[in-house]
Amino acid sequence: MLKNLVDKLNNFELTEKTIKEVHASLMESPFAWESEFKTELVGKYRNIPITGSRQPFFNNKEYAPLFNLEFIVPSYLDIFNSQLSDIDNSKYDKHLLTRLSFFHNKFLNQIHPFADGNGRVCRILMGAIMMRNNCPPIFPKIMEQQDQIKYITTIVKCEVEKNDSFLVEYFAVEMLKYLIERLKTPKDPDTVAPLK
C-alpha cells in the first residue's frame, strides 16, 4: 500500500483524481476504517451525512452536505491550487504554513469529503505539498488525549473566530517541537547526525 501511495505522489498535483486515489490507497482494507467498512465508498466521496465527534469538550461538527460535494471540492481545489502556486515564505499571508492551515481547515474541518479517513488523506496531501515546497513532511505529535484536545481546541477557535492564524501558530510551534524531539532522540544513531 505505501509503495502504491508514494508512486502516486511522485508527480504530485492537487486534483480530485489524486485525492480520490490517495483515499483509495489508504482505505482499501477494512482494517483501515474506524467506522463500518463501505467498499462502495473507497476512493469516492461520501454518500452519507457525517458529523464530527468533539464531545465532551465541544459541540459536534456538521460537515458539508453530501449532495454538494461534487461541486464544493472542485471549487475549493481551484482556490487551493491558486494559493499553493503563490507561496512566499517571506510574507505571512503567503507562507507555506498559512496556506496549509487554510487547506487543512477547509478540507478536513469544513468539507470532510469521505466517509472515513479524511484526517489521514489530509495529512498525506499536506505532506506532499510540503515536500513539493522543499519542506520535510513534519506534523504535530498527537499521541495523548491532551494533544488531541489542544489540536481540536485550536480548530474550534479558528472556526469561532473565522481566522486560521491560530492553526498557523499551532502548526509552527508543534511541528518545531516534533522536529527538535526527533533530532535529539534518533531511533538509529546512523539516521540523524547528533546535535552539536
N, C-alpha and C. Protein backbone atom coordinates (compact mmCIF):
# COMPACT_ATOMS: atom_id res chain seq x y z
N MET A 1 0.82 -1.18 0.00
CA MET A 1 0.00 0.00 0.00
C MET A 1 0.87 1.26 0.00
N LEU A 2 1.91 1.31 0.84
CA LEU A 2 2.74 2.51 0.95
C LEU A 2 3.44 2.81 -0.37
N LYS A 3 3.98 1.78 -1.04
CA LYS A 3 4.66 1.99 -2.32
C LYS A 3 3.68 2.56 -3.34
N ASN A 4 2.48 2.01 -3.38
CA ASN A 4 1.45 2.49 -4.30
C ASN A 4 1.16 3.97 -4.04
N LEU A 5 1.10 4.33 -2.78
CA LEU A 5 0.82 5.71 -2.39
C LEU A 5 1.97 6.64 -2.78
N VAL A 6 3.20 6.23 -2.48
CA VAL A 6 4.38 7.03 -2.81
C VAL A 6 4.47 7.22 -4.32
N ASP A 7 4.19 6.18 -5.09
CA ASP A 7 4.22 6.29 -6.55
C ASP A 7 3.24 7.36 -7.04
N LYS A 8 2.07 7.42 -6.42
CA LYS A 8 1.07 8.41 -6.80
C LYS A 8 1.52 9.83 -6.47
N LEU A 9 2.37 9.98 -5.46
CA LEU A 9 2.77 11.30 -5.02
C LEU A 9 4.06 11.80 -5.66
N ASN A 10 4.72 10.96 -6.46
CA ASN A 10 5.97 11.38 -7.09
C ASN A 10 5.80 12.62 -7.96
N ASN A 11 4.77 12.66 -8.74
CA ASN A 11 4.48 13.83 -9.59
C ASN A 11 3.21 14.48 -9.07
N PHE A 12 3.25 14.89 -7.84
CA PHE A 12 2.06 15.34 -7.13
C PHE A 12 1.42 16.58 -7.75
N GLU A 13 0.14 16.47 -7.99
CA GLU A 13 -0.71 17.59 -8.35
C GLU A 13 -1.97 17.45 -7.51
N LEU A 14 -2.45 18.55 -6.97
CA LEU A 14 -3.65 18.52 -6.14
C LEU A 14 -4.88 18.56 -7.04
N THR A 15 -5.39 17.37 -7.34
CA THR A 15 -6.57 17.24 -8.20
C THR A 15 -7.57 16.32 -7.50
N GLU A 16 -8.80 16.32 -8.01
CA GLU A 16 -9.79 15.38 -7.47
C GLU A 16 -9.31 13.95 -7.65
N LYS A 17 -8.74 13.66 -8.80
CA LYS A 17 -8.26 12.30 -9.08
C LYS A 17 -7.21 11.89 -8.04
N THR A 18 -6.25 12.78 -7.76
CA THR A 18 -5.20 12.48 -6.79
C THR A 18 -5.81 12.24 -5.40
N ILE A 19 -6.71 13.12 -4.99
CA ILE A 19 -7.33 12.99 -3.67
C ILE A 19 -8.07 11.66 -3.55
N LYS A 20 -8.82 11.30 -4.58
CA LYS A 20 -9.57 10.03 -4.55
C LYS A 20 -8.63 8.83 -4.59
N GLU A 21 -7.53 8.93 -5.34
CA GLU A 21 -6.56 7.83 -5.39
C GLU A 21 -5.85 7.65 -4.05
N VAL A 22 -5.51 8.75 -3.38
CA VAL A 22 -4.89 8.66 -2.06
C VAL A 22 -5.87 7.99 -1.10
N HIS A 23 -7.13 8.39 -1.13
CA HIS A 23 -8.13 7.77 -0.26
C HIS A 23 -8.25 6.29 -0.56
N ALA A 24 -8.32 5.93 -1.83
CA ALA A 24 -8.44 4.51 -2.20
C ALA A 24 -7.24 3.71 -1.71
N SER A 25 -6.04 4.27 -1.85
CA SER A 25 -4.83 3.57 -1.39
C SER A 25 -4.83 3.36 0.12
N LEU A 26 -5.26 4.40 0.85
CA LEU A 26 -5.26 4.32 2.30
C LEU A 26 -6.39 3.45 2.86
N MET A 27 -7.53 3.44 2.18
CA MET A 27 -8.74 2.88 2.77
C MET A 27 -9.23 1.60 2.10
N GLU A 28 -8.38 0.95 1.29
CA GLU A 28 -8.82 -0.24 0.56
C GLU A 28 -9.02 -1.46 1.47
N SER A 29 -8.48 -1.41 2.67
CA SER A 29 -8.62 -2.54 3.61
C SER A 29 -9.70 -2.23 4.65
N PRO A 30 -10.51 -3.22 5.01
CA PRO A 30 -11.50 -2.99 6.07
C PRO A 30 -10.85 -2.60 7.39
N PHE A 31 -9.59 -2.98 7.59
CA PHE A 31 -8.89 -2.66 8.85
C PHE A 31 -8.52 -1.18 8.94
N ALA A 32 -8.55 -0.47 7.82
CA ALA A 32 -8.22 0.95 7.82
C ALA A 32 -9.38 1.81 8.30
N TRP A 33 -10.56 1.24 8.28
CA TRP A 33 -11.77 2.02 8.59
C TRP A 33 -12.04 2.03 10.09
N GLU A 34 -12.32 3.21 10.61
CA GLU A 34 -12.74 3.34 12.02
C GLU A 34 -14.24 3.13 12.15
N SER A 35 -14.96 3.42 11.06
CA SER A 35 -16.40 3.17 11.02
C SER A 35 -16.63 1.89 10.23
N GLU A 36 -17.88 1.60 9.94
CA GLU A 36 -18.21 0.40 9.16
C GLU A 36 -17.59 0.49 7.77
N PHE A 37 -16.92 -0.59 7.35
CA PHE A 37 -16.26 -0.63 6.04
C PHE A 37 -17.30 -0.59 4.93
N LYS A 38 -17.15 0.35 4.02
CA LYS A 38 -18.06 0.50 2.90
C LYS A 38 -17.25 0.47 1.60
N THR A 39 -17.16 -0.70 0.99
CA THR A 39 -16.34 -0.85 -0.22
C THR A 39 -16.76 0.12 -1.32
N GLU A 40 -18.04 0.43 -1.39
CA GLU A 40 -18.52 1.33 -2.45
C GLU A 40 -18.04 2.77 -2.26
N LEU A 41 -17.47 3.09 -1.09
CA LEU A 41 -17.02 4.45 -0.81
C LEU A 41 -15.49 4.59 -0.81
N VAL A 42 -14.78 3.51 -1.11
CA VAL A 42 -13.32 3.58 -1.18
C VAL A 42 -12.94 4.41 -2.41
N GLY A 43 -12.27 5.53 -2.16
CA GLY A 43 -11.86 6.41 -3.25
C GLY A 43 -12.99 7.23 -3.84
N LYS A 44 -14.10 7.29 -3.12
CA LYS A 44 -15.26 8.06 -3.60
C LYS A 44 -15.77 8.96 -2.49
N TYR A 45 -16.37 10.08 -2.89
CA TYR A 45 -16.95 10.98 -1.90
C TYR A 45 -18.09 10.28 -1.17
N ARG A 46 -18.29 10.70 0.04
CA ARG A 46 -19.31 10.06 0.88
C ARG A 46 -20.71 10.29 0.32
N ASN A 47 -21.57 9.32 0.58
CA ASN A 47 -22.98 9.43 0.21
C ASN A 47 -23.85 9.41 1.46
N ILE A 48 -23.23 9.73 2.58
CA ILE A 48 -23.91 9.76 3.87
C ILE A 48 -23.54 11.06 4.59
N PRO A 49 -24.46 11.56 5.41
CA PRO A 49 -24.09 12.74 6.21
C PRO A 49 -23.09 12.35 7.29
N ILE A 50 -22.20 13.25 7.61
CA ILE A 50 -21.17 12.99 8.61
C ILE A 50 -21.18 14.11 9.64
N THR A 51 -21.08 13.70 10.90
CA THR A 51 -20.93 14.66 11.99
C THR A 51 -19.64 14.32 12.72
N GLY A 52 -18.79 15.32 12.91
CA GLY A 52 -17.52 15.11 13.61
C GLY A 52 -17.74 15.09 15.11
N SER A 53 -17.24 14.07 15.76
CA SER A 53 -17.39 13.93 17.21
C SER A 53 -16.36 14.77 17.93
N ARG A 54 -16.83 15.71 18.74
CA ARG A 54 -15.93 16.57 19.53
C ARG A 54 -16.33 16.56 21.00
N GLN A 55 -17.27 15.72 21.33
CA GLN A 55 -17.73 15.64 22.72
C GLN A 55 -16.63 15.01 23.57
N PRO A 56 -16.49 15.29 24.82
CA PRO A 56 -17.38 16.07 25.68
C PRO A 56 -16.97 17.54 25.80
N PHE A 57 -15.94 17.97 25.08
CA PHE A 57 -15.40 19.32 25.29
C PHE A 57 -16.07 20.39 24.43
N PHE A 58 -16.52 19.99 23.23
CA PHE A 58 -17.12 20.93 22.30
C PHE A 58 -18.33 20.29 21.66
N ASN A 59 -19.14 21.12 21.01
CA ASN A 59 -20.27 20.59 20.25
C ASN A 59 -19.74 19.86 19.02
N ASN A 60 -20.47 18.84 18.61
CA ASN A 60 -20.09 18.11 17.40
C ASN A 60 -20.18 19.03 16.19
N LYS A 61 -19.48 18.66 15.14
CA LYS A 61 -19.38 19.49 13.93
C LYS A 61 -20.09 18.81 12.77
N GLU A 62 -20.99 19.54 12.13
CA GLU A 62 -21.61 19.04 10.90
C GLU A 62 -20.79 19.53 9.72
N TYR A 63 -20.49 18.60 8.82
CA TYR A 63 -19.67 18.93 7.66
C TYR A 63 -20.54 19.26 6.45
N ALA A 64 -19.89 19.59 5.36
CA ALA A 64 -20.59 19.99 4.13
C ALA A 64 -21.63 18.93 3.75
N PRO A 65 -22.77 19.37 3.24
CA PRO A 65 -23.80 18.41 2.83
C PRO A 65 -23.30 17.49 1.72
N LEU A 66 -23.62 16.22 1.82
CA LEU A 66 -23.11 15.23 0.88
C LEU A 66 -23.53 15.51 -0.56
N PHE A 67 -24.70 16.08 -0.77
CA PHE A 67 -25.18 16.30 -2.14
C PHE A 67 -24.46 17.46 -2.82
N ASN A 68 -23.64 18.22 -2.10
CA ASN A 68 -22.89 19.33 -2.69
C ASN A 68 -21.41 19.03 -2.93
N LEU A 69 -20.95 17.87 -2.51
CA LEU A 69 -19.51 17.58 -2.57
C LEU A 69 -18.95 17.62 -3.99
N GLU A 70 -19.69 17.16 -4.96
CA GLU A 70 -19.21 17.16 -6.36
C GLU A 70 -18.98 18.58 -6.88
N PHE A 71 -19.60 19.57 -6.24
CA PHE A 71 -19.42 20.97 -6.63
C PHE A 71 -18.44 21.68 -5.70
N ILE A 72 -18.51 21.36 -4.42
CA ILE A 72 -17.68 22.04 -3.42
C ILE A 72 -16.20 21.72 -3.62
N VAL A 73 -15.87 20.44 -3.77
CA VAL A 73 -14.46 20.04 -3.85
C VAL A 73 -13.75 20.71 -5.04
N PRO A 74 -14.30 20.64 -6.27
CA PRO A 74 -13.60 21.31 -7.38
C PRO A 74 -13.46 22.82 -7.18
N SER A 75 -14.47 23.44 -6.59
CA SER A 75 -14.39 24.89 -6.34
C SER A 75 -13.24 25.22 -5.41
N TYR A 76 -13.13 24.46 -4.32
CA TYR A 76 -12.04 24.70 -3.38
C TYR A 76 -10.69 24.29 -3.95
N LEU A 77 -10.65 23.28 -4.82
CA LEU A 77 -9.37 22.90 -5.43
C LEU A 77 -8.79 24.04 -6.25
N ASP A 78 -9.66 24.78 -6.92
CA ASP A 78 -9.18 25.95 -7.67
C ASP A 78 -8.54 26.96 -6.72
N ILE A 79 -9.19 27.19 -5.58
CA ILE A 79 -8.65 28.13 -4.58
C ILE A 79 -7.34 27.59 -4.01
N PHE A 80 -7.34 26.32 -3.61
CA PHE A 80 -6.14 25.72 -3.02
C PHE A 80 -4.96 25.82 -3.99
N ASN A 81 -5.18 25.42 -5.23
CA ASN A 81 -4.09 25.41 -6.20
C ASN A 81 -3.59 26.82 -6.52
N SER A 82 -4.50 27.78 -6.53
CA SER A 82 -4.09 29.16 -6.72
C SER A 82 -3.18 29.61 -5.58
N GLN A 83 -3.58 29.29 -4.36
CA GLN A 83 -2.76 29.67 -3.20
C GLN A 83 -1.43 28.93 -3.18
N LEU A 84 -1.45 27.65 -3.52
CA LEU A 84 -0.23 26.84 -3.44
C LEU A 84 0.77 27.20 -4.55
N SER A 85 0.29 27.82 -5.60
CA SER A 85 1.20 28.22 -6.68
C SER A 85 1.87 29.57 -6.39
N ASP A 86 1.46 30.20 -5.30
CA ASP A 86 1.93 31.55 -4.99
C ASP A 86 2.51 31.63 -3.57
N ILE A 87 3.24 30.59 -3.16
CA ILE A 87 3.81 30.57 -1.80
C ILE A 87 5.06 31.46 -1.76
N ASP A 88 5.11 32.29 -0.73
CA ASP A 88 6.25 33.17 -0.49
C ASP A 88 6.47 33.20 1.02
N ASN A 89 7.46 32.45 1.49
CA ASN A 89 7.67 32.31 2.94
C ASN A 89 8.19 33.57 3.62
N SER A 90 8.43 34.62 2.85
CA SER A 90 8.83 35.89 3.47
C SER A 90 7.60 36.74 3.82
N LYS A 91 6.41 36.28 3.42
CA LYS A 91 5.17 37.01 3.70
C LYS A 91 4.20 36.11 4.44
N TYR A 92 3.68 36.58 5.56
CA TYR A 92 2.80 35.77 6.40
C TYR A 92 1.60 35.23 5.62
N ASP A 93 0.92 36.10 4.87
CA ASP A 93 -0.31 35.67 4.19
C ASP A 93 -0.05 34.70 3.04
N LYS A 94 1.21 34.59 2.60
CA LYS A 94 1.55 33.66 1.52
C LYS A 94 2.47 32.54 1.99
N HIS A 95 2.75 32.50 3.28
CA HIS A 95 3.66 31.49 3.86
C HIS A 95 3.07 30.09 3.69
N LEU A 96 3.94 29.12 3.54
CA LEU A 96 3.51 27.73 3.39
C LEU A 96 2.59 27.30 4.53
N LEU A 97 2.93 27.63 5.78
CA LEU A 97 2.08 27.23 6.90
C LEU A 97 0.72 27.92 6.88
N THR A 98 0.67 29.15 6.42
CA THR A 98 -0.61 29.85 6.28
C THR A 98 -1.48 29.15 5.25
N ARG A 99 -0.88 28.79 4.14
CA ARG A 99 -1.63 28.13 3.08
C ARG A 99 -2.05 26.71 3.49
N LEU A 100 -1.16 26.00 4.20
CA LEU A 100 -1.51 24.66 4.69
C LEU A 100 -2.64 24.73 5.72
N SER A 101 -2.62 25.75 6.56
CA SER A 101 -3.67 25.89 7.58
C SER A 101 -5.03 26.12 6.92
N PHE A 102 -5.06 26.97 5.90
CA PHE A 102 -6.30 27.20 5.17
C PHE A 102 -6.78 25.89 4.55
N PHE A 103 -5.86 25.18 3.87
CA PHE A 103 -6.21 23.90 3.24
C PHE A 103 -6.76 22.93 4.29
N HIS A 104 -6.05 22.78 5.39
CA HIS A 104 -6.44 21.86 6.45
C HIS A 104 -7.84 22.19 6.96
N ASN A 105 -8.07 23.45 7.29
CA ASN A 105 -9.36 23.83 7.87
C ASN A 105 -10.51 23.66 6.89
N LYS A 106 -10.29 23.95 5.63
CA LYS A 106 -11.37 23.78 4.65
C LYS A 106 -11.59 22.31 4.31
N PHE A 107 -10.50 21.60 3.99
CA PHE A 107 -10.63 20.21 3.55
C PHE A 107 -11.14 19.31 4.68
N LEU A 108 -10.50 19.42 5.83
CA LEU A 108 -10.79 18.50 6.92
C LEU A 108 -11.95 18.95 7.80
N ASN A 109 -12.04 20.22 8.07
CA ASN A 109 -13.00 20.68 9.08
C ASN A 109 -14.23 21.36 8.52
N GLN A 110 -14.29 21.46 7.21
CA GLN A 110 -15.49 22.02 6.60
C GLN A 110 -16.07 21.06 5.57
N ILE A 111 -15.23 20.64 4.60
CA ILE A 111 -15.73 19.79 3.51
C ILE A 111 -15.86 18.34 3.97
N HIS A 112 -14.80 17.75 4.50
CA HIS A 112 -14.80 16.38 5.00
C HIS A 112 -15.42 15.44 3.96
N PRO A 113 -14.76 15.28 2.80
CA PRO A 113 -15.42 14.65 1.66
C PRO A 113 -15.65 13.14 1.74
N PHE A 114 -14.95 12.45 2.63
CA PHE A 114 -15.05 10.99 2.65
C PHE A 114 -15.77 10.49 3.90
N ALA A 115 -16.27 9.27 3.83
CA ALA A 115 -16.99 8.67 4.95
C ALA A 115 -16.03 8.35 6.10
N ASP A 116 -14.77 8.09 5.79
CA ASP A 116 -13.75 7.79 6.80
C ASP A 116 -12.39 8.08 6.17
N GLY A 117 -11.40 8.36 7.01
CA GLY A 117 -10.03 8.55 6.53
C GLY A 117 -9.69 9.97 6.12
N ASN A 118 -10.55 10.93 6.40
CA ASN A 118 -10.30 12.32 5.99
C ASN A 118 -9.02 12.89 6.59
N GLY A 119 -8.77 12.65 7.87
CA GLY A 119 -7.57 13.16 8.52
C GLY A 119 -6.31 12.58 7.91
N ARG A 120 -6.32 11.29 7.63
CA ARG A 120 -5.16 10.64 7.03
C ARG A 120 -4.91 11.16 5.62
N VAL A 121 -5.98 11.30 4.84
CA VAL A 121 -5.85 11.84 3.48
C VAL A 121 -5.31 13.27 3.54
N CYS A 122 -5.85 14.07 4.45
CA CYS A 122 -5.42 15.46 4.58
C CYS A 122 -3.93 15.53 4.92
N ARG A 123 -3.46 14.70 5.85
CA ARG A 123 -2.05 14.73 6.24
C ARG A 123 -1.14 14.27 5.10
N ILE A 124 -1.57 13.26 4.35
CA ILE A 124 -0.78 12.80 3.19
C ILE A 124 -0.67 13.93 2.17
N LEU A 125 -1.79 14.59 1.88
CA LEU A 125 -1.78 15.69 0.91
C LEU A 125 -0.92 16.84 1.41
N MET A 126 -1.05 17.18 2.69
CA MET A 126 -0.22 18.25 3.26
C MET A 126 1.26 17.88 3.19
N GLY A 127 1.58 16.61 3.47
CA GLY A 127 2.97 16.16 3.39
C GLY A 127 3.51 16.29 1.97
N ALA A 128 2.69 15.94 0.98
CA ALA A 128 3.11 16.07 -0.42
C ALA A 128 3.30 17.54 -0.78
N ILE A 129 2.42 18.40 -0.30
CA ILE A 129 2.56 19.84 -0.56
C ILE A 129 3.84 20.37 0.08
N MET A 130 4.12 19.92 1.32
CA MET A 130 5.36 20.36 1.98
C MET A 130 6.59 19.91 1.19
N MET A 131 6.60 18.65 0.78
CA MET A 131 7.76 18.14 0.03
C MET A 131 7.91 18.87 -1.30
N ARG A 132 6.79 19.18 -1.95
CA ARG A 132 6.85 19.92 -3.21
C ARG A 132 7.45 21.31 -3.01
N ASN A 133 7.38 21.80 -1.76
CA ASN A 133 7.92 23.11 -1.43
C ASN A 133 9.20 23.02 -0.60
N ASN A 134 9.94 21.90 -0.78
CA ASN A 134 11.24 21.68 -0.14
C ASN A 134 11.18 21.76 1.38
N CYS A 135 10.11 21.25 1.94
CA CYS A 135 9.92 21.22 3.39
C CYS A 135 9.67 19.77 3.80
N PRO A 136 10.34 19.29 4.83
CA PRO A 136 10.08 17.90 5.25
C PRO A 136 8.64 17.77 5.75
N PRO A 137 8.02 16.62 5.52
CA PRO A 137 6.64 16.42 5.97
C PRO A 137 6.59 16.16 7.48
N ILE A 138 6.55 17.23 8.23
CA ILE A 138 6.54 17.16 9.69
C ILE A 138 5.16 17.56 10.19
N PHE A 139 4.66 16.83 11.15
CA PHE A 139 3.33 17.12 11.69
C PHE A 139 3.38 17.22 13.20
N PRO A 140 2.45 17.95 13.78
CA PRO A 140 2.38 17.97 15.25
C PRO A 140 2.18 16.56 15.78
N LYS A 141 2.80 16.29 16.90
CA LYS A 141 2.68 14.98 17.53
C LYS A 141 1.39 14.95 18.34
N ILE A 142 0.49 14.07 17.95
CA ILE A 142 -0.79 13.93 18.66
C ILE A 142 -0.89 12.47 19.09
N MET A 143 -0.39 12.20 20.29
CA MET A 143 -0.35 10.83 20.80
C MET A 143 -1.24 10.64 22.03
N GLU A 144 -1.37 11.68 22.81
CA GLU A 144 -2.12 11.60 24.06
C GLU A 144 -3.41 12.39 23.94
N GLN A 145 -4.34 12.14 24.85
CA GLN A 145 -5.61 12.86 24.82
C GLN A 145 -5.40 14.37 24.95
N GLN A 146 -4.45 14.79 25.76
CA GLN A 146 -4.21 16.23 25.92
C GLN A 146 -3.74 16.85 24.61
N ASP A 147 -2.97 16.09 23.80
CA ASP A 147 -2.55 16.57 22.49
C ASP A 147 -3.76 16.75 21.57
N GLN A 148 -4.66 15.78 21.61
CA GLN A 148 -5.86 15.83 20.77
C GLN A 148 -6.76 17.00 21.20
N ILE A 149 -6.88 17.22 22.49
CA ILE A 149 -7.70 18.33 23.00
C ILE A 149 -7.12 19.66 22.54
N LYS A 150 -5.80 19.80 22.61
CA LYS A 150 -5.15 21.04 22.16
C LYS A 150 -5.39 21.27 20.67
N TYR A 151 -5.27 20.22 19.89
CA TYR A 151 -5.49 20.29 18.45
C TYR A 151 -6.94 20.69 18.14
N ILE A 152 -7.90 20.01 18.74
CA ILE A 152 -9.31 20.31 18.48
C ILE A 152 -9.68 21.69 19.00
N THR A 153 -9.12 22.08 20.15
CA THR A 153 -9.37 23.43 20.68
C THR A 153 -8.91 24.49 19.68
N THR A 154 -7.77 24.25 19.06
CA THR A 154 -7.23 25.19 18.06
C THR A 154 -8.16 25.27 16.85
N ILE A 155 -8.63 24.13 16.39
CA ILE A 155 -9.53 24.09 15.23
C ILE A 155 -10.84 24.83 15.55
N VAL A 156 -11.39 24.57 16.72
CA VAL A 156 -12.64 25.21 17.12
C VAL A 156 -12.44 26.73 17.23
N LYS A 157 -11.30 27.14 17.77
CA LYS A 157 -11.01 28.58 17.88
C LYS A 157 -10.95 29.21 16.48
N CYS A 158 -10.35 28.53 15.53
CA CYS A 158 -10.32 29.03 14.15
C CYS A 158 -11.73 29.19 13.60
N GLU A 159 -12.58 28.21 13.88
CA GLU A 159 -13.96 28.27 13.38
C GLU A 159 -14.74 29.42 14.02
N VAL A 160 -14.63 29.54 15.33
CA VAL A 160 -15.37 30.58 16.06
C VAL A 160 -14.90 31.97 15.64
N GLU A 161 -13.59 32.15 15.55
CA GLU A 161 -13.01 33.46 15.22
C GLU A 161 -12.94 33.71 13.71
N LYS A 162 -13.25 32.66 12.92
CA LYS A 162 -13.13 32.75 11.45
C LYS A 162 -11.75 33.26 11.05
N ASN A 163 -10.73 32.58 11.61
CA ASN A 163 -9.36 33.02 11.43
C ASN A 163 -8.43 31.82 11.56
N ASP A 164 -7.66 31.54 10.51
CA ASP A 164 -6.75 30.39 10.51
C ASP A 164 -5.44 30.64 11.25
N SER A 165 -5.20 31.85 11.73
CA SER A 165 -3.91 32.19 12.33
C SER A 165 -3.61 31.33 13.57
N PHE A 166 -4.65 30.89 14.26
CA PHE A 166 -4.44 30.04 15.44
C PHE A 166 -3.84 28.69 15.01
N LEU A 167 -4.28 28.17 13.88
CA LEU A 167 -3.73 26.91 13.38
C LEU A 167 -2.33 27.12 12.81
N VAL A 168 -2.08 28.26 12.20
CA VAL A 168 -0.73 28.57 11.70
C VAL A 168 0.24 28.52 12.88
N GLU A 169 -0.11 29.20 13.97
CA GLU A 169 0.76 29.22 15.15
C GLU A 169 0.90 27.82 15.74
N TYR A 170 -0.21 27.09 15.84
CA TYR A 170 -0.17 25.73 16.37
C TYR A 170 0.77 24.86 15.53
N PHE A 171 0.60 24.89 14.21
CA PHE A 171 1.48 24.10 13.34
C PHE A 171 2.93 24.51 13.53
N ALA A 172 3.23 25.79 13.55
CA ALA A 172 4.62 26.26 13.67
C ALA A 172 5.25 25.75 14.96
N VAL A 173 4.56 25.93 16.06
CA VAL A 173 5.10 25.54 17.37
C VAL A 173 5.20 24.03 17.49
N GLU A 174 4.14 23.33 17.16
CA GLU A 174 4.11 21.88 17.36
C GLU A 174 4.99 21.13 16.36
N MET A 175 5.07 21.60 15.14
CA MET A 175 5.96 20.96 14.16
C MET A 175 7.42 21.14 14.57
N LEU A 176 7.75 22.32 15.06
CA LEU A 176 9.11 22.58 15.52
C LEU A 176 9.45 21.69 16.72
N LYS A 177 8.53 21.58 17.67
CA LYS A 177 8.74 20.70 18.83
C LYS A 177 9.02 19.28 18.38
N TYR A 178 8.20 18.80 17.45
CA TYR A 178 8.35 17.43 16.98
C TYR A 178 9.69 17.23 16.27
N LEU A 179 10.07 18.19 15.43
CA LEU A 179 11.34 18.10 14.72
C LEU A 179 12.51 18.08 15.69
N ILE A 180 12.49 18.97 16.67
CA ILE A 180 13.57 19.01 17.67
C ILE A 180 13.64 17.70 18.44
N GLU A 181 12.48 17.18 18.82
CA GLU A 181 12.45 15.89 19.55
C GLU A 181 13.04 14.77 18.70
N ARG A 182 12.69 14.74 17.42
CA ARG A 182 13.22 13.70 16.53
C ARG A 182 14.73 13.84 16.35
N LEU A 183 15.23 15.05 16.28
CA LEU A 183 16.66 15.26 16.11
C LEU A 183 17.45 14.89 17.37
N LYS A 184 16.84 15.07 18.52
CA LYS A 184 17.53 14.77 19.78
C LYS A 184 17.51 13.30 20.13
N THR A 185 16.51 12.57 19.68
CA THR A 185 16.37 11.17 20.08
C THR A 185 16.20 10.26 18.87
N PRO A 186 17.26 10.10 18.08
CA PRO A 186 17.14 9.23 16.91
C PRO A 186 16.96 7.77 17.33
N LYS A 187 16.15 7.06 16.57
CA LYS A 187 15.94 5.63 16.82
C LYS A 187 17.19 4.84 16.43
N ASP A 188 17.82 5.31 15.36
CA ASP A 188 19.01 4.66 14.85
C ASP A 188 20.09 5.75 14.76
N PRO A 189 21.18 5.63 15.54
CA PRO A 189 22.19 6.68 15.56
C PRO A 189 22.76 7.03 14.19
N ASP A 190 22.65 6.13 13.22
CA ASP A 190 23.18 6.40 11.89
C ASP A 190 22.22 7.22 11.02
N THR A 191 20.96 7.41 11.49
CA THR A 191 19.98 8.09 10.64
C THR A 191 20.00 9.60 10.78
N VAL A 192 20.41 10.12 11.94
CA VAL A 192 20.41 11.56 12.17
C VAL A 192 21.73 11.94 12.81
N ALA A 193 22.34 12.98 12.27
CA ALA A 193 23.60 13.45 12.86
C ALA A 193 23.32 14.02 14.24
N PRO A 194 24.17 13.78 15.23
CA PRO A 194 23.95 14.33 16.57
C PRO A 194 24.01 15.86 16.55
N LEU A 195 23.21 16.46 17.42
CA LEU A 195 23.23 17.91 17.55
C LEU A 195 24.51 18.35 18.23
N LYS A 196 25.10 19.46 17.81
CA LYS A 196 26.34 19.96 18.40
C LYS A 196 26.08 21.25 19.10
